[in-house]
Amino acid sequence: MNQIDAIIVDIQKMFAKQPNTIYEVRVVDQIYSKKVNIFFEYYKIGKATHSQQIARLDSK
């Protein structure tokens, strides 16, 4: 299993179908540190966003 497969498994574990909930996977490329951060974010409509870092990878 490579890193991408492990990240997909982590996302599937966190994804729980809830009514009126928006789910996002955010990929952030940090050009100066040459890293890529992957975050799992979710929020209910009208509520604050919850964000959790899933992985930090070296960019190529």
N, C-alpha and C. Protein backbone atom coordinates (compact mmCIF):
# COMPACT_ATOMS: atom_id res chain seq x y z
N MET A 1 0.86 -1.18 0.00
CA MET A 1 0.00 0.00 0.00
C MET A 1 0.90 1.24 0.00
N ASN A 2 0.68 2.14 -0.95
CA ASN A 2 1.48 3.35 -0.99
C ASN A 2 0.82 4.46 -0.16
N GLN A 3 1.46 5.63 -0.15
CA GLN A 3 0.97 6.74 0.68
C GLN A 3 -0.42 7.20 0.27
N ILE A 4 -0.68 7.26 -1.02
CA ILE A 4 -1.97 7.74 -1.51
C ILE A 4 -3.09 6.78 -1.09
N ASP A 5 -2.83 5.48 -1.19
CA ASP A 5 -3.83 4.50 -0.76
C ASP A 5 -4.12 4.63 0.74
N ALA A 6 -3.08 4.87 1.54
CA ALA A 6 -3.27 5.05 2.98
C ALA A 6 -4.08 6.30 3.28
N ILE A 7 -3.86 7.36 2.52
CA ILE A 7 -4.62 8.60 2.71
C ILE A 7 -6.09 8.37 2.37
N ILE A 8 -6.36 7.64 1.30
CA ILE A 8 -7.74 7.35 0.90
C ILE A 8 -8.44 6.53 1.97
N VAL A 9 -7.75 5.58 2.55
CA VAL A 9 -8.34 4.77 3.64
C VAL A 9 -8.65 5.66 4.83
N ASP A 10 -7.75 6.59 5.18
CA ASP A 10 -8.00 7.52 6.30
C ASP A 10 -9.22 8.38 6.03
N ILE A 11 -9.36 8.87 4.80
CA ILE A 11 -10.51 9.70 4.45
C ILE A 11 -11.80 8.90 4.56
N GLN A 12 -11.78 7.68 4.09
CA GLN A 12 -12.99 6.84 4.16
C GLN A 12 -13.40 6.57 5.60
N LYS A 13 -12.43 6.44 6.51
CA LYS A 13 -12.75 6.22 7.92
C LYS A 13 -13.43 7.45 8.53
N MET A 14 -13.00 8.66 8.12
CA MET A 14 -13.55 9.89 8.69
C MET A 14 -14.88 10.30 8.08
N PHE A 15 -15.16 9.83 6.87
CA PHE A 15 -16.38 10.23 6.18
C PHE A 15 -17.57 9.48 6.78
N ALA A 16 -18.47 10.25 7.37
CA ALA A 16 -19.70 9.67 7.94
C ALA A 16 -20.86 10.49 7.37
N LYS A 17 -21.77 9.82 6.68
CA LYS A 17 -22.88 10.54 6.07
C LYS A 17 -23.79 11.12 7.15
N GLN A 18 -23.79 12.44 7.24
CA GLN A 18 -24.63 13.16 8.18
C GLN A 18 -25.49 14.13 7.38
N PRO A 19 -26.74 14.30 7.76
CA PRO A 19 -27.58 15.26 7.02
C PRO A 19 -27.06 16.70 7.19
N ASN A 20 -27.19 17.48 6.12
CA ASN A 20 -26.80 18.89 6.10
C ASN A 20 -25.33 19.11 6.47
N THR A 21 -24.48 18.19 6.06
CA THR A 21 -23.04 18.29 6.34
C THR A 21 -22.28 18.31 5.03
N ILE A 22 -21.33 19.23 4.93
CA ILE A 22 -20.49 19.38 3.75
C ILE A 22 -19.10 18.81 4.09
N TYR A 23 -18.57 17.96 3.21
CA TYR A 23 -17.25 17.36 3.40
C TYR A 23 -16.32 17.86 2.29
N GLU A 24 -15.07 18.13 2.66
CA GLU A 24 -14.08 18.58 1.69
C GLU A 24 -12.73 17.96 2.00
N VAL A 25 -11.97 17.70 0.96
CA VAL A 25 -10.56 17.33 1.12
C VAL A 25 -9.78 18.48 0.51
N ARG A 26 -8.98 19.13 1.33
CA ARG A 26 -8.23 20.31 0.87
C ARG A 26 -6.77 19.94 0.73
N VAL A 27 -6.19 20.26 -0.41
CA VAL A 27 -4.78 19.99 -0.70
C VAL A 27 -4.08 21.34 -0.77
N VAL A 28 -3.07 21.52 0.07
CA VAL A 28 -2.35 22.79 0.15
C VAL A 28 -0.89 22.55 -0.23
N ASP A 29 -0.44 23.23 -1.27
CA ASP A 29 0.94 23.12 -1.72
C ASP A 29 1.74 24.27 -1.10
N GLN A 30 2.67 23.91 -0.24
CA GLN A 30 3.53 24.92 0.38
C GLN A 30 4.81 25.00 -0.44
N ILE A 31 4.89 26.02 -1.29
CA ILE A 31 5.96 26.08 -2.28
C ILE A 31 7.33 26.32 -1.66
N TYR A 32 7.40 27.04 -0.54
CA TYR A 32 8.70 27.36 0.03
C TYR A 32 9.27 26.20 0.85
N SER A 33 8.42 25.46 1.53
CA SER A 33 8.90 24.31 2.30
C SER A 33 8.89 23.03 1.47
N LYS A 34 8.36 23.11 0.25
CA LYS A 34 8.29 21.97 -0.67
C LYS A 34 7.55 20.79 -0.05
N LYS A 35 6.43 21.09 0.59
CA LYS A 35 5.56 20.07 1.19
C LYS A 35 4.15 20.24 0.66
N VAL A 36 3.38 19.16 0.71
CA VAL A 36 1.97 19.20 0.36
C VAL A 36 1.20 18.69 1.57
N ASN A 37 0.30 19.52 2.09
CA ASN A 37 -0.54 19.13 3.22
C ASN A 37 -1.91 18.74 2.71
N ILE A 38 -2.48 17.71 3.30
CA ILE A 38 -3.82 17.25 2.94
C ILE A 38 -4.68 17.31 4.19
N PHE A 39 -5.80 18.02 4.09
CA PHE A 39 -6.71 18.20 5.22
C PHE A 39 -8.08 17.62 4.89
N PHE A 40 -8.73 17.08 5.89
CA PHE A 40 -10.13 16.65 5.79
C PHE A 40 -10.94 17.67 6.56
N GLU A 41 -11.90 18.30 5.89
CA GLU A 41 -12.73 19.33 6.52
C GLU A 41 -14.19 18.98 6.38
N TYR A 42 -14.95 19.31 7.40
CA TYR A 42 -16.39 19.10 7.34
C TYR A 42 -17.08 20.15 8.20
N TYR A 43 -18.31 20.47 7.81
CA TYR A 43 -19.09 21.42 8.60
C TYR A 43 -20.56 21.23 8.31
N LYS A 44 -21.35 21.50 9.33
CA LYS A 44 -22.78 21.52 9.16
C LYS A 44 -23.16 22.92 8.70
N ILE A 45 -24.22 23.01 7.95
CA ILE A 45 -24.65 24.30 7.43
C ILE A 45 -24.95 25.23 8.60
N GLY A 46 -24.30 26.39 8.61
CA GLY A 46 -24.49 27.38 9.67
C GLY A 46 -23.59 27.17 10.87
N LYS A 47 -22.70 26.20 10.84
CA LYS A 47 -21.79 25.92 11.96
C LYS A 47 -20.34 26.12 11.53
N ALA A 48 -19.44 26.06 12.49
CA ALA A 48 -18.01 26.24 12.21
C ALA A 48 -17.42 25.03 11.49
N THR A 49 -16.36 25.28 10.73
CA THR A 49 -15.66 24.22 10.00
C THR A 49 -14.69 23.49 10.93
N HIS A 50 -14.67 22.16 10.82
CA HIS A 50 -13.71 21.33 11.54
C HIS A 50 -12.69 20.85 10.53
N SER A 51 -11.41 21.03 10.85
CA SER A 51 -10.35 20.66 9.93
C SER A 51 -9.35 19.76 10.65
N GLN A 52 -8.93 18.70 9.96
CA GLN A 52 -7.97 17.77 10.53
C GLN A 52 -6.94 17.43 9.46
N GLN A 53 -5.67 17.56 9.81
CA GLN A 53 -4.62 17.23 8.86
C GLN A 53 -4.53 15.72 8.73
N ILE A 54 -4.52 15.25 7.50
CA ILE A 54 -4.44 13.82 7.23
C ILE A 54 -3.00 13.41 6.94
N ALA A 55 -2.32 14.21 6.11
CA ALA A 55 -0.97 13.81 5.70
C ALA A 55 -0.16 15.04 5.32
N ARG A 56 1.15 14.85 5.34
CA ARG A 56 2.09 15.85 4.86
C ARG A 56 3.09 15.12 3.99
N LEU A 57 3.11 15.46 2.73
CA LEU A 57 3.94 14.76 1.75
C LEU A 57 4.99 15.70 1.18
N ASP A 58 6.08 15.14 0.72
CA ASP A 58 7.09 15.92 0.00
C ASP A 58 6.57 16.18 -1.41
N SER A 59 6.67 17.43 -1.85
CA SER A 59 6.26 17.74 -3.23
C SER A 59 7.43 17.43 -4.16
N LYS A 60 7.09 17.23 -5.41
CA LYS A 60 8.14 16.86 -6.37
C LYS A 60 8.37 17.94 -7.36
